[in-house]
Amino acid sequence: MIICRLRRILKEKGWTRYKFQKESGISFPTIYAYYANRTKRFDASVLDCMCVTLGCTPGALLKWK
């Protein structure tokens, strides 16, 4: 199972999902799916945009459990 750590990373940065949406340009439903670990498919372009906006790598954003 792959887990997205978006919730933890946003909390560490002190960002809300709204601020992240404005900074990244990713739609709010997509952010919520990653935030709540409800996504079944990880899109490379979305992950790339998330990583660029957050200044992290995909390895920091995703965890295999």
N, C-alpha and C. Protein backbone atom coordinates (compact mmCIF):
# COMPACT_ATOMS: atom_id res chain seq x y z
N MET A 1 0.84 -1.18 0.00
CA MET A 1 0.00 0.00 0.00
C MET A 1 0.89 1.25 0.00
N ILE A 2 0.55 2.20 -0.85
CA ILE A 2 1.30 3.46 -0.92
C ILE A 2 0.50 4.53 -0.19
N ILE A 3 1.18 5.25 0.69
CA ILE A 3 0.54 6.29 1.50
C ILE A 3 1.13 7.64 1.10
N CYS A 4 0.26 8.62 0.94
CA CYS A 4 0.70 9.98 0.63
C CYS A 4 0.85 10.75 1.94
N ARG A 5 1.98 11.40 2.11
CA ARG A 5 2.26 12.15 3.34
C ARG A 5 1.96 13.64 3.19
N LEU A 6 1.06 14.00 2.30
CA LEU A 6 0.76 15.40 2.05
C LEU A 6 0.26 16.10 3.31
N ARG A 7 -0.57 15.43 4.08
CA ARG A 7 -1.10 16.03 5.32
C ARG A 7 0.03 16.43 6.25
N ARG A 8 1.00 15.54 6.44
CA ARG A 8 2.12 15.80 7.34
C ARG A 8 3.01 16.93 6.82
N ILE A 9 3.29 16.90 5.53
CA ILE A 9 4.17 17.93 4.93
C ILE A 9 3.53 19.31 5.01
N LEU A 10 2.23 19.39 4.74
CA LEU A 10 1.55 20.69 4.83
C LEU A 10 1.54 21.19 6.28
N LYS A 11 1.34 20.28 7.22
CA LYS A 11 1.34 20.67 8.63
C LYS A 11 2.71 21.20 9.05
N GLU A 12 3.78 20.53 8.60
CA GLU A 12 5.15 20.96 8.93
C GLU A 12 5.44 22.35 8.36
N LYS A 13 4.91 22.63 7.17
CA LYS A 13 5.13 23.93 6.52
C LYS A 13 4.20 25.01 7.05
N GLY A 14 3.14 24.59 7.75
CA GLY A 14 2.16 25.55 8.25
C GLY A 14 1.22 26.03 7.15
N TRP A 15 1.04 25.22 6.12
CA TRP A 15 0.19 25.57 4.99
C TRP A 15 -1.18 24.91 5.15
N THR A 16 -2.21 25.58 4.64
CA THR A 16 -3.53 24.97 4.54
C THR A 16 -3.66 24.35 3.16
N ARG A 17 -4.69 23.55 2.99
CA ARG A 17 -4.93 22.97 1.66
C ARG A 17 -5.28 24.09 0.68
N TYR A 18 -5.96 25.11 1.16
CA TYR A 18 -6.32 26.24 0.30
C TYR A 18 -5.07 26.97 -0.21
N LYS A 19 -4.13 27.24 0.68
CA LYS A 19 -2.89 27.90 0.27
C LYS A 19 -2.13 27.02 -0.72
N PHE A 20 -2.08 25.73 -0.45
CA PHE A 20 -1.38 24.80 -1.34
C PHE A 20 -2.05 24.79 -2.71
N GLN A 21 -3.37 24.85 -2.75
CA GLN A 21 -4.08 24.87 -4.02
C GLN A 21 -3.74 26.13 -4.80
N LYS A 22 -3.70 27.27 -4.14
CA LYS A 22 -3.39 28.53 -4.81
C LYS A 22 -1.94 28.55 -5.31
N GLU A 23 -1.02 28.00 -4.53
CA GLU A 23 0.39 27.98 -4.92
C GLU A 23 0.66 27.00 -6.06
N SER A 24 -0.01 25.84 -6.03
CA SER A 24 0.29 24.78 -6.99
C SER A 24 -0.55 24.83 -8.25
N GLY A 25 -1.79 25.32 -8.14
CA GLY A 25 -2.70 25.31 -9.28
C GLY A 25 -3.41 23.98 -9.47
N ILE A 26 -3.24 23.06 -8.54
CA ILE A 26 -3.90 21.76 -8.60
C ILE A 26 -5.32 21.94 -8.06
N SER A 27 -6.29 21.24 -8.66
CA SER A 27 -7.68 21.40 -8.22
C SER A 27 -7.85 20.90 -6.78
N PHE A 28 -8.80 21.52 -6.07
CA PHE A 28 -9.03 21.16 -4.68
C PHE A 28 -9.46 19.70 -4.51
N PRO A 29 -10.36 19.14 -5.36
CA PRO A 29 -10.71 17.72 -5.20
C PRO A 29 -9.50 16.79 -5.34
N THR A 30 -8.58 17.12 -6.22
CA THR A 30 -7.37 16.30 -6.38
C THR A 30 -6.51 16.40 -5.12
N ILE A 31 -6.32 17.60 -4.61
CA ILE A 31 -5.54 17.78 -3.39
C ILE A 31 -6.18 17.02 -2.24
N TYR A 32 -7.51 17.10 -2.12
CA TYR A 32 -8.19 16.42 -1.03
C TYR A 32 -8.01 14.90 -1.14
N ALA A 33 -8.06 14.36 -2.35
CA ALA A 33 -7.89 12.91 -2.52
C ALA A 33 -6.50 12.47 -2.05
N TYR A 34 -5.47 13.24 -2.37
CA TYR A 34 -4.12 12.92 -1.91
C TYR A 34 -4.01 13.15 -0.39
N TYR A 35 -4.59 14.23 0.09
CA TYR A 35 -4.53 14.60 1.51
C TYR A 35 -5.18 13.53 2.39
N ALA A 36 -6.30 12.99 1.93
CA ALA A 36 -7.06 12.00 2.70
C ALA A 36 -6.69 10.56 2.35
N ASN A 37 -5.66 10.38 1.52
CA ASN A 37 -5.22 9.04 1.07
C ASN A 37 -6.36 8.26 0.42
N ARG A 38 -7.14 8.93 -0.41
CA ARG A 38 -8.24 8.29 -1.10
C ARG A 38 -7.97 8.09 -2.58
N THR A 39 -6.79 8.42 -3.03
CA THR A 39 -6.47 8.27 -4.44
C THR A 39 -6.03 6.84 -4.73
N LYS A 40 -6.47 6.33 -5.85
CA LYS A 40 -6.11 4.97 -6.27
C LYS A 40 -4.99 5.00 -7.30
N ARG A 41 -4.79 6.18 -7.92
CA ARG A 41 -3.81 6.31 -8.99
C ARG A 41 -3.00 7.59 -8.74
N PHE A 42 -1.70 7.46 -8.80
CA PHE A 42 -0.82 8.60 -8.58
C PHE A 42 -0.34 9.11 -9.94
N ASP A 43 -0.82 10.27 -10.32
CA ASP A 43 -0.50 10.86 -11.61
C ASP A 43 0.87 11.54 -11.54
N ALA A 44 1.74 11.25 -12.49
CA ALA A 44 3.10 11.79 -12.49
C ALA A 44 3.11 13.31 -12.58
N SER A 45 2.24 13.89 -13.38
CA SER A 45 2.24 15.35 -13.52
C SER A 45 1.76 16.03 -12.23
N VAL A 46 0.81 15.41 -11.53
CA VAL A 46 0.35 15.96 -10.25
C VAL A 46 1.45 15.84 -9.21
N LEU A 47 2.10 14.69 -9.14
CA LEU A 47 3.20 14.50 -8.19
C LEU A 47 4.33 15.48 -8.46
N ASP A 48 4.64 15.70 -9.73
CA ASP A 48 5.69 16.64 -10.09
C ASP A 48 5.33 18.05 -9.62
N CYS A 49 4.11 18.46 -9.86
CA CYS A 49 3.66 19.79 -9.45
C CYS A 49 3.69 19.92 -7.93
N MET A 50 3.25 18.89 -7.23
CA MET A 50 3.28 18.91 -5.76
C MET A 50 4.70 19.05 -5.24
N CYS A 51 5.61 18.26 -5.81
CA CYS A 51 7.00 18.28 -5.36
C CYS A 51 7.67 19.62 -5.64
N VAL A 52 7.40 20.20 -6.79
CA VAL A 52 7.98 21.51 -7.13
C VAL A 52 7.45 22.57 -6.16
N THR A 53 6.16 22.56 -5.91
CA THR A 53 5.55 23.55 -5.02
C THR A 53 6.04 23.40 -3.59
N LEU A 54 6.16 22.15 -3.12
CA LEU A 54 6.56 21.89 -1.74
C LEU A 54 8.08 21.86 -1.55
N GLY A 55 8.82 21.77 -2.64
CA GLY A 55 10.28 21.70 -2.56
C GLY A 55 10.75 20.38 -1.98
N CYS A 56 10.10 19.29 -2.40
CA CYS A 56 10.47 17.97 -1.89
C CYS A 56 10.60 16.99 -3.06
N THR A 57 10.91 15.75 -2.74
CA THR A 57 11.01 14.69 -3.74
C THR A 57 9.81 13.77 -3.62
N PRO A 58 9.53 12.96 -4.65
CA PRO A 58 8.43 12.01 -4.54
C PRO A 58 8.64 11.02 -3.38
N GLY A 59 9.88 10.72 -3.07
CA GLY A 59 10.17 9.82 -1.96
C GLY A 59 9.77 10.41 -0.61
N ALA A 60 9.81 11.73 -0.50
CA ALA A 60 9.38 12.39 0.74
C ALA A 60 7.86 12.47 0.81
N LEU A 61 7.22 12.49 -0.34
CA LEU A 61 5.77 12.65 -0.41
C LEU A 61 5.02 11.32 -0.30
N LEU A 62 5.63 10.24 -0.81
CA LEU A 62 4.98 8.93 -0.81
C LEU A 62 5.76 7.93 0.05
N LYS A 63 5.01 7.04 0.69
CA LYS A 63 5.61 6.01 1.53
C LYS A 63 4.97 4.68 1.21
N TRP A 64 5.79 3.65 1.10
CA TRP A 64 5.25 2.31 0.87
C TRP A 64 5.10 1.63 2.22
N LYS A 65 3.92 1.07 2.47
CA LYS A 65 3.66 0.42 3.75
C LYS A 65 3.19 -0.99 3.52
